[in-house]
Amino acid sequence: MTEAAVMCFQESKQLRSTGLVDEETFDALGAASSDARYSETRNLFRWVWNRYLAGQADTHRP
């Protein structure tokens, strides 16, 4: 695993701990390669972060 992939994996763990995304979101990525998984996770992280900054994220999940 590359250093970039490790960093992205750690960020995905942080995202899950916020409750902004769930395990199914990451399972649905289904990327075929390590590079693709890194890219998809990075893009998902950016999407969630931008929603959070815009106040559109549901941070009050039960």
PDB file of N, CA and C in Angstrom:
ATOM      1  N   MET A   1       0.858  -1.180   0.000  1.00  0.00           N
ATOM      2  CA  MET A   1       0.000   0.000   0.000  1.00  0.00           C
ATOM      3  C   MET A   1       0.898   1.235   0.000  1.00  0.00           C
ATOM      4  N   THR A   2       0.582   2.170  -0.855  1.00  0.00           N
ATOM      5  CA  THR A   2       1.391   3.385  -0.940  1.00  0.00           C
ATOM      6  C   THR A   2       1.111   4.302   0.245  1.00  0.00           C
ATOM      7  N   GLU A   3       2.003   5.239   0.459  1.00  0.00           N
ATOM      8  CA  GLU A   3       1.814   6.208   1.543  1.00  0.00           C
ATOM      9  C   GLU A   3       0.533   7.015   1.331  1.00  0.00           C
ATOM     10  N   ALA A   4       0.259   7.383   0.085  1.00  0.00           N
ATOM     11  CA  ALA A   4      -0.963   8.143  -0.216  1.00  0.00           C
ATOM     12  C   ALA A   4      -2.204   7.320   0.106  1.00  0.00           C
ATOM     13  N   ALA A   5      -2.160   6.019  -0.200  1.00  0.00           N
ATOM     14  CA  ALA A   5      -3.304   5.157   0.095  1.00  0.00           C
ATOM     15  C   ALA A   5      -3.512   5.026   1.598  1.00  0.00           C
ATOM     16  N   VAL A   6      -2.430   4.916   2.347  1.00  0.00           N
ATOM     17  CA  VAL A   6      -2.534   4.838   3.809  1.00  0.00           C
ATOM     18  C   VAL A   6      -3.173   6.107   4.359  1.00  0.00           C
ATOM     19  N   MET A   7      -2.729   7.255   3.866  1.00  0.00           N
ATOM     20  CA  MET A   7      -3.302   8.523   4.324  1.00  0.00           C
ATOM     21  C   MET A   7      -4.791   8.589   4.000  1.00  0.00           C
ATOM     22  N   CYS A   8      -5.165   8.151   2.811  1.00  0.00           N
ATOM     23  CA  CYS A   8      -6.561   8.190   2.400  1.00  0.00           C
ATOM     24  C   CYS A   8      -7.390   7.235   3.260  1.00  0.00           C
ATOM     25  N   PHE A   9      -6.841   6.052   3.571  1.00  0.00           N
ATOM     26  CA  PHE A   9      -7.536   5.099   4.425  1.00  0.00           C
ATOM     27  C   PHE A   9      -7.754   5.694   5.810  1.00  0.00           C
ATOM     28  N   GLN A  10      -6.751   6.352   6.355  1.00  0.00           N
ATOM     29  CA  GLN A  10      -6.891   6.975   7.665  1.00  0.00           C
ATOM     30  C   GLN A  10      -7.960   8.062   7.635  1.00  0.00           C
ATOM     31  N   GLU A  11      -8.010   8.821   6.547  1.00  0.00           N
ATOM     32  CA  GLU A  11      -9.040   9.846   6.417  1.00  0.00           C
ATOM     33  C   GLU A  11     -10.421   9.218   6.329  1.00  0.00           C
ATOM     34  N   SER A  12     -10.534   8.078   5.647  1.00  0.00           N
ATOM     35  CA  SER A  12     -11.836   7.423   5.540  1.00  0.00           C
ATOM     36  C   SER A  12     -12.303   6.936   6.905  1.00  0.00           C
ATOM     37  N   LYS A  13     -11.372   6.476   7.744  1.00  0.00           N
ATOM     38  CA  LYS A  13     -11.736   6.077   9.104  1.00  0.00           C
ATOM     39  C   LYS A  13     -12.247   7.281   9.888  1.00  0.00           C
ATOM     40  N   GLN A  14     -11.612   8.430   9.699  1.00  0.00           N
ATOM     41  CA  GLN A  14     -12.059   9.642  10.381  1.00  0.00           C
ATOM     42  C   GLN A  14     -13.445  10.049   9.896  1.00  0.00           C
ATOM     43  N   LEU A  15     -13.700   9.931   8.602  1.00  0.00           N
ATOM     44  CA  LEU A  15     -15.021  10.264   8.065  1.00  0.00           C
ATOM     45  C   LEU A  15     -16.094   9.385   8.687  1.00  0.00           C
ATOM     46  N   ARG A  16     -15.830   8.080   8.767  1.00  0.00           N
ATOM     47  CA  ARG A  16     -16.814   7.166   9.356  1.00  0.00           C
ATOM     48  C   ARG A  16     -17.087   7.524  10.808  1.00  0.00           C
ATOM     49  N   SER A  17     -16.074   7.950  11.530  1.00  0.00           N
ATOM     50  CA  SER A  17     -16.259   8.262  12.954  1.00  0.00           C
ATOM     51  C   SER A  17     -17.112   9.507  13.162  1.00  0.00           C
ATOM     52  N   THR A  18     -17.245  10.360  12.144  1.00  0.00           N
ATOM     53  CA  THR A  18     -18.070  11.562  12.276  1.00  0.00           C
ATOM     54  C   THR A  18     -19.548  11.264  12.100  1.00  0.00           C
ATOM     55  N   GLY A  19     -19.869  10.111  11.505  1.00  0.00           N
ATOM     56  CA  GLY A  19     -21.258   9.793  11.217  1.00  0.00           C
ATOM     57  C   GLY A  19     -21.761  10.426   9.932  1.00  0.00           C
ATOM     58  N   LEU A  20     -20.879  11.115   9.193  1.00  0.00           N
ATOM     59  CA  LEU A  20     -21.300  11.751   7.941  1.00  0.00           C
ATOM     60  C   LEU A  20     -21.461  10.741   6.813  1.00  0.00           C
ATOM     61  N   VAL A  21     -20.749   9.642   6.883  1.00  0.00           N
ATOM     62  CA  VAL A  21     -20.886   8.561   5.909  1.00  0.00           C
ATOM     63  C   VAL A  21     -20.913   7.253   6.678  1.00  0.00           C
ATOM     64  N   ASP A  22     -21.412   6.196   6.051  1.00  0.00           N
ATOM     65  CA  ASP A  22     -21.476   4.907   6.729  1.00  0.00           C
ATOM     66  C   ASP A  22     -20.660   3.859   5.977  1.00  0.00           C
ATOM     67  N   GLU A  23     -20.575   2.682   6.558  1.00  0.00           N
ATOM     68  CA  GLU A  23     -19.765   1.607   5.986  1.00  0.00           C
ATOM     69  C   GLU A  23     -20.233   1.235   4.585  1.00  0.00           C
ATOM     70  N   GLU A  24     -21.551   1.252   4.364  1.00  0.00           N
ATOM     71  CA  GLU A  24     -22.079   0.885   3.055  1.00  0.00           C
ATOM     72  C   GLU A  24     -21.572   1.831   1.965  1.00  0.00           C
ATOM     73  N   THR A  25     -21.362   3.085   2.313  1.00  0.00           N
ATOM     74  CA  THR A  25     -20.848   4.050   1.339  1.00  0.00           C
ATOM     75  C   THR A  25     -19.488   3.604   0.831  1.00  0.00           C
ATOM     76  N   PHE A  26     -18.628   3.150   1.714  1.00  0.00           N
ATOM     77  CA  PHE A  26     -17.294   2.721   1.315  1.00  0.00           C
ATOM     78  C   PHE A  26     -17.336   1.377   0.600  1.00  0.00           C
ATOM     79  N   ASP A  27     -18.229   0.475   1.027  1.00  0.00           N
ATOM     80  CA  ASP A  27     -18.357  -0.809   0.348  1.00  0.00           C
ATOM     81  C   ASP A  27     -18.830  -0.628  -1.086  1.00  0.00           C
ATOM     82  N   ALA A  28     -19.639   0.381  -1.326  1.00  0.00           N
ATOM     83  CA  ALA A  28     -20.208   0.603  -2.657  1.00  0.00           C
ATOM     84  C   ALA A  28     -19.185   1.118  -3.654  1.00  0.00           C
ATOM     85  N   LEU A  29     -18.045   1.583  -3.187  1.00  0.00           N
ATOM     86  CA  LEU A  29     -17.046   2.109  -4.116  1.00  0.00           C
ATOM     87  C   LEU A  29     -16.592   1.031  -5.098  1.00  0.00           C
ATOM     88  N   GLY A  30     -16.299  -0.149  -4.602  1.00  0.00           N
ATOM     89  CA  GLY A  30     -15.963  -1.290  -5.437  1.00  0.00           C
ATOM     90  C   GLY A  30     -14.912  -1.047  -6.511  1.00  0.00           C
ATOM     91  N   ALA A  31     -13.923  -0.267  -6.216  1.00  0.00           N
ATOM     92  CA  ALA A  31     -12.894   0.045  -7.210  1.00  0.00           C
ATOM     93  C   ALA A  31     -12.053  -1.192  -7.520  1.00  0.00           C
ATOM     94  N   ALA A  32     -11.594  -1.274  -8.754  1.00  0.00           N
ATOM     95  CA  ALA A  32     -10.893  -2.467  -9.222  1.00  0.00           C
ATOM     96  C   ALA A  32      -9.412  -2.513  -8.851  1.00  0.00           C
ATOM     97  N   SER A  33      -8.816  -1.377  -8.536  1.00  0.00           N
ATOM     98  CA  SER A  33      -7.385  -1.364  -8.239  1.00  0.00           C
ATOM     99  C   SER A  33      -7.100  -0.475  -7.038  1.00  0.00           C
ATOM    100  N   SER A  34      -5.887  -0.585  -6.530  1.00  0.00           N
ATOM    101  CA  SER A  34      -5.480   0.233  -5.392  1.00  0.00           C
ATOM    102  C   SER A  34      -5.524   1.717  -5.740  1.00  0.00           C
ATOM    103  N   ASP A  35      -5.047   2.057  -6.927  1.00  0.00           N
ATOM    104  CA  ASP A  35      -5.073   3.463  -7.348  1.00  0.00           C
ATOM    105  C   ASP A  35      -6.500   3.980  -7.469  1.00  0.00           C
ATOM    106  N   ALA A  36      -7.383   3.157  -8.005  1.00  0.00           N
ATOM    107  CA  ALA A  36      -8.782   3.566  -8.158  1.00  0.00           C
ATOM    108  C   ALA A  36      -9.449   3.722  -6.795  1.00  0.00           C
ATOM    109  N   ARG A  37      -9.158   2.808  -5.855  1.00  0.00           N
ATOM    110  CA  ARG A  37      -9.720   2.927  -4.501  1.00  0.00           C
ATOM    111  C   ARG A  37      -9.252   4.210  -3.841  1.00  0.00           C
ATOM    112  N   TYR A  38      -7.963   4.524  -4.004  1.00  0.00           N
ATOM    113  CA  TYR A  38      -7.435   5.765  -3.445  1.00  0.00           C
ATOM    114  C   TYR A  38      -8.174   6.963  -4.034  1.00  0.00           C
ATOM    115  N   SER A  39      -8.305   6.971  -5.345  1.00  0.00           N
ATOM    116  CA  SER A  39      -8.952   8.087  -6.031  1.00  0.00           C
ATOM    117  C   SER A  39     -10.409   8.243  -5.597  1.00  0.00           C
ATOM    118  N   GLU A  40     -11.140   7.130  -5.536  1.00  0.00           N
ATOM    119  CA  GLU A  40     -12.549   7.183  -5.143  1.00  0.00           C
ATOM    120  C   GLU A  40     -12.711   7.633  -3.692  1.00  0.00           C
ATOM    121  N   THR A  41     -11.845   7.138  -2.805  1.00  0.00           N
ATOM    122  CA  THR A  41     -11.925   7.539  -1.401  1.00  0.00           C
ATOM    123  C   THR A  41     -11.582   9.010  -1.246  1.00  0.00           C
ATOM    124  N   ARG A  42     -10.572   9.472  -1.968  1.00  0.00           N
ATOM    125  CA  ARG A  42     -10.206  10.891  -1.941  1.00  0.00           C
ATOM    126  C   ARG A  42     -11.363  11.759  -2.423  1.00  0.00           C
ATOM    127  N   ASN A  43     -11.988  11.360  -3.524  1.00  0.00           N
ATOM    128  CA  ASN A  43     -13.117  12.125  -4.052  1.00  0.00           C
ATOM    129  C   ASN A  43     -14.293  12.134  -3.084  1.00  0.00           C
ATOM    130  N   LEU A  44     -14.552  10.992  -2.445  1.00  0.00           N
ATOM    131  CA  LEU A  44     -15.634  10.926  -1.466  1.00  0.00           C
ATOM    132  C   LEU A  44     -15.326  11.826  -0.275  1.00  0.00           C
ATOM    133  N   PHE A  45     -14.088  11.799   0.190  1.00  0.00           N
ATOM    134  CA  PHE A  45     -13.692  12.652   1.309  1.00  0.00           C
ATOM    135  C   PHE A  45     -13.920  14.119   0.962  1.00  0.00           C
ATOM    136  N   ARG A  46     -13.506  14.512  -0.233  1.00  0.00           N
ATOM    137  CA  ARG A  46     -13.700  15.905  -0.650  1.00  0.00           C
ATOM    138  C   ARG A  46     -15.179  16.265  -0.733  1.00  0.00           C
ATOM    139  N   TRP A  47     -16.006  15.358  -1.259  1.00  0.00           N
ATOM    140  CA  TRP A  47     -17.443  15.603  -1.390  1.00  0.00           C
ATOM    141  C   TRP A  47     -18.080  15.799  -0.010  1.00  0.00           C
ATOM    142  N   VAL A  48     -17.770  14.893   0.928  1.00  0.00           N
ATOM    143  CA  VAL A  48     -18.337  14.995   2.277  1.00  0.00           C
ATOM    144  C   VAL A  48     -17.846  16.265   2.954  1.00  0.00           C
ATOM    145  N   TRP A  49     -16.566  16.555   2.836  1.00  0.00           N
ATOM    146  CA  TRP A  49     -16.008  17.749   3.475  1.00  0.00           C
ATOM    147  C   TRP A  49     -16.667  19.014   2.941  1.00  0.00           C
ATOM    148  N   ASN A  50     -16.859  19.096   1.634  1.00  0.00           N
ATOM    149  CA  ASN A  50     -17.514  20.263   1.039  1.00  0.00           C
ATOM    150  C   ASN A  50     -18.962  20.388   1.496  1.00  0.00           C
ATOM    151  N   ARG A  51     -19.676  19.256   1.616  1.00  0.00           N
ATOM    152  CA  ARG A  51     -21.058  19.286   2.137  1.00  0.00           C
ATOM    153  C   ARG A  51     -21.059  19.771   3.584  1.00  0.00           C
ATOM    154  N   TYR A  52     -20.098  19.283   4.362  1.00  0.00           N
ATOM    155  CA  TYR A  52     -20.003  19.685   5.766  1.00  0.00           C
ATOM    156  C   TYR A  52     -19.759  21.188   5.871  1.00  0.00           C
ATOM    157  N   LEU A  53     -18.831  21.703   5.087  1.00  0.00           N
ATOM    158  CA  LEU A  53     -18.526  23.134   5.119  1.00  0.00           C
ATOM    159  C   LEU A  53     -19.712  23.975   4.663  1.00  0.00           C
ATOM    160  N   ALA A  54     -20.501  23.444   3.744  1.00  0.00           N
ATOM    161  CA  ALA A  54     -21.663  24.173   3.231  1.00  0.00           C
ATOM    162  C   ALA A  54     -22.870  24.041   4.152  1.00  0.00           C
ATOM    163  N   GLY A  55     -22.723  23.261   5.234  1.00  0.00           N
ATOM    164  CA  GLY A  55     -23.822  23.081   6.176  1.00  0.00           C
ATOM    165  C   GLY A  55     -24.899  22.143   5.680  1.00  0.00           C
ATOM    166  N   GLN A  56     -24.579  21.303   4.688  1.00  0.00           N
ATOM    167  CA  GLN A  56     -25.563  20.397   4.118  1.00  0.00           C
ATOM    168  C   GLN A  56     -25.476  18.988   4.682  1.00  0.00           C
ATOM    169  N   ALA A  57     -24.497  18.711   5.505  1.00  0.00           N
ATOM    170  CA  ALA A  57     -24.331  17.365   6.041  1.00  0.00           C
ATOM    171  C   ALA A  57     -25.265  17.147   7.216  1.00  0.00           C
ATOM    172  N   ASP A  58     -25.820  15.939   7.295  1.00  0.00           N
ATOM    173  CA  ASP A  58     -26.685  15.570   8.407  1.00  0.00           C
ATOM    174  C   ASP A  58     -25.804  15.081   9.548  1.00  0.00           C
ATOM    175  N   THR A  59     -25.502  15.960  10.479  1.00  0.00           N
ATOM    176  CA  THR A  59     -24.623  15.590  11.596  1.00  0.00           C
ATOM    177  C   THR A  59     -25.408  15.135  12.814  1.00  0.00           C
ATOM    178  N   HIS A  60     -26.713  15.015  12.691  1.00  0.00           N
ATOM    179  CA  HIS A  60     -27.561  14.609  13.821  1.00  0.00           C
ATOM    180  C   HIS A  60     -28.235  13.285  13.538  1.00  0.00           C
ATOM    181  N   ARG A  61     -27.463  12.307  13.091  1.00  0.00           N
ATOM    182  CA  ARG A  61     -28.014  10.987  12.796  1.00  0.00           C
ATOM    183  C   ARG A  61     -28.260  10.240  14.090  1.00  0.00           C
ATOM    184  N   PRO A  62     -29.330   9.454  14.148  1.00  0.00           N
ATOM    185  CA  PRO A  62     -29.600   8.658  15.367  1.00  0.00           C
ATOM    186  C   PRO A  62     -28.620   7.528  15.539  1.00  0.00           C
TER     187      PRO A  62
END
